């Protein structure tokens, strides 16, 4: 899309589709939800993807626990669509996918979790998240806000 804009206005030096990482993340999730017709998002504990209500969630332990708001002002009705896996724990991702495969629109992750002291994600974790998302007809997005 940016290429189309630049081709139409050759003097344009930069194209910015959003103003913040929060907007980019919210747009990507809305696109995944619209495309799949599913509501749930899988994110990882400790990861920050912006200040959208459904992203400010930390889930309890276990695959059947819905998201619980981790910040005042986040309605439980929004938070219930966010599932949280443990960082670098492939079993927790697989458990969530096994239980919610028909409900998950996307898996969102940070390649390096800056909110936790810049811990890199294991390559296998990223690959399994991507494969799990593709298998169930969802998207996996590596974005940083």
Foldseek 3Di string as FASTA:
>chain_A
DVVVVCVVPVVDDDDDPDDDQLVVVVVVLVVLCVVLVAQAEEEEPLAARDDDLLRQWDWDDDLPTATDHPDPPRDPVSPRRYHYAYALDQVSLVSNCVVQLSHYSEYEYEQFRVRVPGHGGDPVSLVSRQVSQVVSVHHYDHGHD
